Amino acid sequence: MDEVRIDLRKIGEDERQKREQQERLLFRLNHTFYLDPGYKELMRELFAGKIGENSFVKAPLSGAELSNISIGNGVYVNSNLLAMARGGIVIEDDVQIAANVQLITNNHDLYDRQVLTCQPIVLKKGAWIGAGVTILPGITIGKYAVIGAAAVVTHDVGDYEVVVGNPAKCIKRLEPEKFEV
């Protein structure tokens, strides 16, 4: 995946205003009861309309550039997601994300910390991300893969793999024919 580099010293007024608007939306979402009628509209606005049918993100939520997230159908995201989405995040259909997950698409250049290095994260159909997982920039999680609680994912995870630990390692492969596709 291509890396995008962003010099934070060159952020313009338009971007500052966009960030402020996102922070206002995020504050409103995080202070609205999830069963209130306006909650789903706030979600749609925060994700720039890129949230599928029967998908839900439970507050509180934090992060940056949340409009760079695309969420498929039937996705459930539990509370306390940290989504640093400057590099882009794609969450395909039927993904389940437990509480306290971190999706980190950006890092700082080792020699010039005012430069962000960004790569996308892709969570493929039916992936299950356990509580407290951290997924680092440029990672793809395969179809129906399972990421065990508190894992730190530093490499791509294949379809149907179950990974655990820090760094996450594959401990088994699920049987594809057992899934209703």
C-alpha atoms as a PDB file:
ATOM      1  CA  MET A   1       0.000   0.000   0.000  1.00  0.00           C
ATOM      2  CA  ASP A   2       1.233   3.446  -0.852  1.00  0.00           C
ATOM      3  CA  GLU A   3       2.380   5.672   1.963  1.00  0.00           C
ATOM      4  CA  VAL A   4       1.146   9.267   2.096  1.00  0.00           C
ATOM      5  CA  ARG A   5       3.304  11.839   3.882  1.00  0.00           C
ATOM      6  CA  ILE A   6       1.728  14.949   5.443  1.00  0.00           C
ATOM      7  CA  ASP A   7       3.761  17.852   6.819  1.00  0.00           C
ATOM      8  CA  LEU A   8       1.812  19.169   9.812  1.00  0.00           C
ATOM      9  CA  ARG A   9       3.576  22.535   9.516  1.00  0.00           C
ATOM     10  CA  LYS A  10       1.749  23.094   6.227  1.00  0.00           C
ATOM     11  CA  ILE A  11      -1.823  22.509   7.433  1.00  0.00           C
ATOM     12  CA  GLY A  12      -4.001  25.289   6.007  1.00  0.00           C
ATOM     13  CA  GLU A  13      -6.977  27.168   7.393  1.00  0.00           C
ATOM     14  CA  ASP A  14      -9.463  24.992   5.443  1.00  0.00           C
ATOM     15  CA  GLU A  15      -8.102  21.873   7.108  1.00  0.00           C
ATOM     16  CA  ARG A  16      -8.159  23.526  10.544  1.00  0.00           C
ATOM     17  CA  GLN A  17     -11.828  24.445  10.033  1.00  0.00           C
ATOM     18  CA  LYS A  18     -12.649  20.916   8.851  1.00  0.00           C
ATOM     19  CA  ARG A  19     -10.948  19.475  11.944  1.00  0.00           C
ATOM     20  CA  GLU A  20     -12.871  21.851  14.220  1.00  0.00           C
ATOM     21  CA  GLN A  21     -16.171  20.850  12.584  1.00  0.00           C
ATOM     22  CA  GLN A  22     -15.321  17.167  13.086  1.00  0.00           C
ATOM     23  CA  GLU A  23     -14.491  17.814  16.748  1.00  0.00           C
ATOM     24  CA  ARG A  24     -17.863  19.527  17.226  1.00  0.00           C
ATOM     25  CA  LEU A  25     -19.691  16.585  15.617  1.00  0.00           C
ATOM     26  CA  LEU A  26     -17.685  14.122  17.679  1.00  0.00           C
ATOM     27  CA  PHE A  27     -18.505  15.996  20.879  1.00  0.00           C
ATOM     28  CA  ARG A  28     -22.210  15.979  20.004  1.00  0.00           C
ATOM     29  CA  LEU A  29     -22.174  12.262  19.166  1.00  0.00           C
ATOM     30  CA  ASN A  30     -20.323  11.398  22.368  1.00  0.00           C
ATOM     31  CA  HIS A  31     -22.887  13.340  24.403  1.00  0.00           C
ATOM     32  CA  THR A  32     -25.995  11.925  22.734  1.00  0.00           C
ATOM     33  CA  PHE A  33     -27.671   8.786  24.042  1.00  0.00           C
ATOM     34  CA  TYR A  34     -27.300   6.104  21.360  1.00  0.00           C
ATOM     35  CA  LEU A  35     -31.041   5.361  21.317  1.00  0.00           C
ATOM     36  CA  ASP A  36     -32.001   9.006  20.712  1.00  0.00           C
ATOM     37  CA  PRO A  37     -33.423   9.696  17.233  1.00  0.00           C
ATOM     38  CA  GLY A  38     -30.609  12.107  16.276  1.00  0.00           C
ATOM     39  CA  TYR A  39     -27.773   9.682  17.052  1.00  0.00           C
ATOM     40  CA  LYS A  40     -27.850   7.887  13.693  1.00  0.00           C
ATOM     41  CA  GLU A  41     -27.899  11.185  11.798  1.00  0.00           C
ATOM     42  CA  LEU A  42     -24.844  12.370  13.744  1.00  0.00           C
ATOM     43  CA  MET A  43     -23.093   9.093  12.814  1.00  0.00           C
ATOM     44  CA  ARG A  44     -23.907   9.612   9.141  1.00  0.00           C
ATOM     45  CA  GLU A  45     -22.624  13.181   9.232  1.00  0.00           C
ATOM     46  CA  LEU A  46     -19.426  12.256  11.097  1.00  0.00           C
ATOM     47  CA  PHE A  47     -18.599   9.510   8.561  1.00  0.00           C
ATOM     48  CA  ALA A  48     -19.591  11.721   5.579  1.00  0.00           C
ATOM     49  CA  GLY A  49     -22.483   9.386   4.741  1.00  0.00           C
ATOM     50  CA  LYS A  50     -20.169   6.376   4.261  1.00  0.00           C
ATOM     51  CA  ILE A  51     -21.955   4.079   6.716  1.00  0.00           C
ATOM     52  CA  GLY A  52     -23.989   1.128   5.487  1.00  0.00           C
ATOM     53  CA  GLU A  53     -27.394  -0.188   6.442  1.00  0.00           C
ATOM     54  CA  ASN A  54     -27.811  -1.782   9.864  1.00  0.00           C
ATOM     55  CA  SER A  55     -24.377  -0.541  10.955  1.00  0.00           C
ATOM     56  CA  PHE A  56     -23.749   1.081  14.304  1.00  0.00           C
ATOM     57  CA  VAL A  57     -20.849   2.772  16.090  1.00  0.00           C
ATOM     58  CA  LYS A  58     -21.346   3.118  19.847  1.00  0.00           C
ATOM     59  CA  ALA A  59     -20.020   6.203  21.603  1.00  0.00           C
ATOM     60  CA  PRO A  60     -17.711   7.271  22.956  1.00  0.00           C
ATOM     61  CA  LEU A  61     -15.554   7.504  19.869  1.00  0.00           C
ATOM     62  CA  SER A  62     -12.314   9.413  19.286  1.00  0.00           C
ATOM     63  CA  GLY A  63      -9.882   9.947  16.461  1.00  0.00           C
ATOM     64  CA  ALA A  64      -8.949  12.094  13.507  1.00  0.00           C
ATOM     65  CA  GLU A  65     -10.196  12.434   9.934  1.00  0.00           C
ATOM     66  CA  LEU A  66     -13.235  10.248  10.610  1.00  0.00           C
ATOM     67  CA  SER A  67     -14.659  11.196   7.206  1.00  0.00           C
ATOM     68  CA  ASN A  68     -11.897   8.943   5.772  1.00  0.00           C
ATOM     69  CA  ILE A  69     -13.689   5.884   7.168  1.00  0.00           C
ATOM     70  CA  SER A  70     -15.975   3.769   5.005  1.00  0.00           C
ATOM     71  CA  ILE A  71     -18.288   1.367   6.866  1.00  0.00           C
ATOM     72  CA  GLY A  72     -20.177  -1.432   5.118  1.00  0.00           C
ATOM     73  CA  ASN A  73     -23.517  -3.041   5.981  1.00  0.00           C
ATOM     74  CA  GLY A  74     -24.198  -4.919   9.198  1.00  0.00           C
ATOM     75  CA  VAL A  75     -21.129  -3.573  11.026  1.00  0.00           C
ATOM     76  CA  TYR A  76     -21.082  -3.205  14.812  1.00  0.00           C
ATOM     77  CA  VAL A  77     -18.437  -1.126  16.592  1.00  0.00           C
ATOM     78  CA  ASN A  78     -18.502  -1.138  20.393  1.00  0.00           C
ATOM     79  CA  SER A  79     -17.504   1.800  22.594  1.00  0.00           C
ATOM     80  CA  ASN A  80     -14.149   3.558  22.881  1.00  0.00           C
ATOM     81  CA  LEU A  81     -12.915   3.115  19.312  1.00  0.00           C
ATOM     82  CA  LEU A  82      -9.835   5.223  18.556  1.00  0.00           C
ATOM     83  CA  ALA A  83      -9.741   5.723  14.786  1.00  0.00           C
ATOM     84  CA  MET A  84      -6.738   7.689  13.547  1.00  0.00           C
ATOM     85  CA  ALA A  85      -8.041   7.636   9.984  1.00  0.00           C
ATOM     86  CA  ARG A  86      -5.868  10.083   8.044  1.00  0.00           C
ATOM     87  CA  GLY A  87      -4.603   7.145   5.932  1.00  0.00           C
ATOM     88  CA  GLY A  88      -8.125   5.822   5.338  1.00  0.00           C
ATOM     89  CA  ILE A  89     -10.028   2.951   6.946  1.00  0.00           C
ATOM     90  CA  VAL A  90     -12.277   0.523   5.066  1.00  0.00           C
ATOM     91  CA  ILE A  91     -14.580  -1.648   7.166  1.00  0.00           C
ATOM     92  CA  GLU A  92     -16.388  -4.146   4.944  1.00  0.00           C
ATOM     93  CA  ASP A  93     -19.771  -5.796   5.619  1.00  0.00           C
ATOM     94  CA  ASP A  94     -20.503  -7.780   8.793  1.00  0.00           C
ATOM     95  CA  VAL A  95     -17.356  -6.749  10.679  1.00  0.00           C
ATOM     96  CA  GLN A  96     -17.570  -6.832  14.478  1.00  0.00           C
ATOM     97  CA  ILE A  97     -15.285  -4.573  16.530  1.00  0.00           C
ATOM     98  CA  ALA A  98     -15.204  -4.952  20.321  1.00  0.00           C
ATOM     99  CA  ALA A  99     -14.592  -2.190  22.872  1.00  0.00           C
ATOM    100  CA  ASN A 100     -11.341  -0.250  23.240  1.00  0.00           C
ATOM    101  CA  VAL A 101      -9.956  -0.991  19.768  1.00  0.00           C
ATOM    102  CA  GLN A 102      -7.354   1.269  18.132  1.00  0.00           C
ATOM    103  CA  LEU A 103      -7.184   1.591  14.340  1.00  0.00           C
ATOM    104  CA  ILE A 104      -4.024   3.610  13.666  1.00  0.00           C
ATOM    105  CA  THR A 105      -3.379   4.591  10.028  1.00  0.00           C
ATOM    106  CA  ASN A 106      -0.725   7.192  10.742  1.00  0.00           C
ATOM    107  CA  ASN A 107       2.649   7.405  12.399  1.00  0.00           C
ATOM    108  CA  HIS A 108       5.315  10.087  12.689  1.00  0.00           C
ATOM    109  CA  ASP A 109       8.479  10.119  10.616  1.00  0.00           C
ATOM    110  CA  LEU A 110      11.332   8.923  12.823  1.00  0.00           C
ATOM    111  CA  TYR A 111      13.542  11.874  11.891  1.00  0.00           C
ATOM    112  CA  ASP A 112      10.988  14.660  11.370  1.00  0.00           C
ATOM    113  CA  ARG A 113       8.132  14.202  13.822  1.00  0.00           C
ATOM    114  CA  GLN A 114       6.102  16.977  12.202  1.00  0.00           C
ATOM    115  CA  VAL A 115       5.623  14.681   9.201  1.00  0.00           C
ATOM    116  CA  LEU A 116       2.892  12.055   9.370  1.00  0.00           C
ATOM    117  CA  THR A 117       3.328   8.833   7.420  1.00  0.00           C
ATOM    118  CA  CYS A 118      -0.068   7.348   6.556  1.00  0.00           C
ATOM    119  CA  GLN A 119      -1.227   3.999   5.170  1.00  0.00           C
ATOM    120  CA  PRO A 120      -4.777   2.602   5.029  1.00  0.00           C
ATOM    121  CA  ILE A 121      -6.283  -0.168   7.131  1.00  0.00           C
ATOM    122  CA  VAL A 122      -8.743  -2.638   5.571  1.00  0.00           C
ATOM    123  CA  LEU A 123     -11.004  -4.922   7.612  1.00  0.00           C
ATOM    124  CA  LYS A 124     -12.512  -7.454   5.223  1.00  0.00           C
ATOM    125  CA  LYS A 125     -15.970  -9.025   5.340  1.00  0.00           C
ATOM    126  CA  GLY A 126     -16.905 -10.765   8.576  1.00  0.00           C
ATOM    127  CA  ALA A 127     -13.693  -9.975  10.468  1.00  0.00           C
ATOM    128  CA  TRP A 128     -13.982  -9.997  14.257  1.00  0.00           C
ATOM    129  CA  ILE A 129     -11.701  -7.635  16.166  1.00  0.00           C
ATOM    130  CA  GLY A 130     -11.431  -8.448  19.890  1.00  0.00           C
ATOM    131  CA  ALA A 131     -11.395  -6.039  22.822  1.00  0.00           C
ATOM    132  CA  GLY A 132      -8.348  -3.837  23.220  1.00  0.00           C
ATOM    133  CA  VAL A 133      -6.792  -4.730  19.854  1.00  0.00           C
ATOM    134  CA  THR A 134      -4.393  -2.310  18.136  1.00  0.00           C
ATOM    135  CA  ILE A 135      -4.076  -2.443  14.335  1.00  0.00           C
ATOM    136  CA  LEU A 136      -1.162  -0.505  12.859  1.00  0.00           C
ATOM    137  CA  PRO A 137      -0.846   1.397   9.528  1.00  0.00           C
ATOM    138  CA  GLY A 138      -1.025  -0.476   6.232  1.00  0.00           C
ATOM    139  CA  ILE A 139      -2.632  -3.632   7.643  1.00  0.00           C
ATOM    140  CA  THR A 140      -5.318  -5.721   5.943  1.00  0.00           C
ATOM    141  CA  ILE A 141      -7.363  -8.108   8.072  1.00  0.00           C
ATOM    142  CA  GLY A 142      -8.702 -10.969   5.933  1.00  0.00           C
ATOM    143  CA  LYS A 143     -12.253 -12.269   5.522  1.00  0.00           C
ATOM    144  CA  TYR A 144     -13.687 -13.837   8.682  1.00  0.00           C
ATOM    145  CA  ALA A 145     -10.361 -13.477  10.478  1.00  0.00           C
ATOM    146  CA  VAL A 146     -10.417 -13.278  14.280  1.00  0.00           C
ATOM    147  CA  ILE A 147      -8.081 -10.976  16.189  1.00  0.00           C
ATOM    148  CA  GLY A 148      -7.812 -12.032  19.849  1.00  0.00           C
ATOM    149  CA  ALA A 149      -8.260  -9.532  22.662  1.00  0.00           C
ATOM    150  CA  ALA A 150      -5.329  -7.164  23.312  1.00  0.00           C
ATOM    151  CA  ALA A 151      -3.428  -8.284  20.184  1.00  0.00           C
ATOM    152  CA  VAL A 152      -1.138  -5.821  18.420  1.00  0.00           C
ATOM    153  CA  VAL A 153      -1.379  -6.418  14.678  1.00  0.00           C
ATOM    154  CA  THR A 154       1.844  -5.490  12.861  1.00  0.00           C
ATOM    155  CA  HIS A 155       1.416  -7.633   9.694  1.00  0.00           C
ATOM    156  CA  ASP A 156      -1.452  -8.527   7.374  1.00  0.00           C
ATOM    157  CA  VAL A 157      -3.778 -11.271   8.596  1.00  0.00           C
ATOM    158  CA  GLY A 158      -5.018 -13.812   6.061  1.00  0.00           C
ATOM    159  CA  ASP A 159      -8.594 -14.888   5.433  1.00  0.00           C
ATOM    160  CA  TYR A 160      -9.973 -17.149   8.192  1.00  0.00           C
ATOM    161  CA  GLU A 161      -6.877 -16.811  10.402  1.00  0.00           C
ATOM    162  CA  VAL A 162      -7.082 -16.507  14.188  1.00  0.00           C
ATOM    163  CA  VAL A 163      -4.274 -14.352  15.571  1.00  0.00           C
ATOM    164  CA  VAL A 164      -3.327 -13.444  19.148  1.00  0.00           C
ATOM    165  CA  GLY A 165      -0.525 -11.752  21.053  1.00  0.00           C
ATOM    166  CA  ASN A 166       1.960  -8.920  20.718  1.00  0.00           C
ATOM    167  CA  PRO A 167       2.971  -8.983  17.980  1.00  0.00           C
ATOM    168  CA  ALA A 168      -0.052 -10.948  16.762  1.00  0.00           C
ATOM    169  CA  LYS A 169       0.688 -14.427  15.432  1.00  0.00           C
ATOM    170  CA  CYS A 170      -1.567 -16.969  13.739  1.00  0.00           C
ATOM    171  CA  ILE A 171      -2.576 -19.819  16.046  1.00  0.00           C
ATOM    172  CA  LYS A 172      -5.135 -21.520  13.794  1.00  0.00           C
ATOM    173  CA  ARG A 173      -7.097 -21.288  10.581  1.00  0.00           C
ATOM    174  CA  LEU A 174     -10.882 -21.461  10.563  1.00  0.00           C
ATOM    175  CA  GLU A 175     -12.763 -23.720   8.142  1.00  0.00           C
ATOM    176  CA  PRO A 176     -14.215 -21.528   5.361  1.00  0.00           C
ATOM    177  CA  GLU A 177     -16.978 -23.999   4.512  1.00  0.00           C
ATOM    178  CA  LYS A 178     -18.522 -23.496   7.990  1.00  0.00           C
ATOM    179  CA  PHE A 179     -19.380 -19.858   7.243  1.00  0.00           C
ATOM    180  CA  GLU A 180     -22.674 -18.850   5.665  1.00  0.00           C
ATOM    181  CA  VAL A 181     -21.454 -16.664   2.839  1.00  0.00           C
END
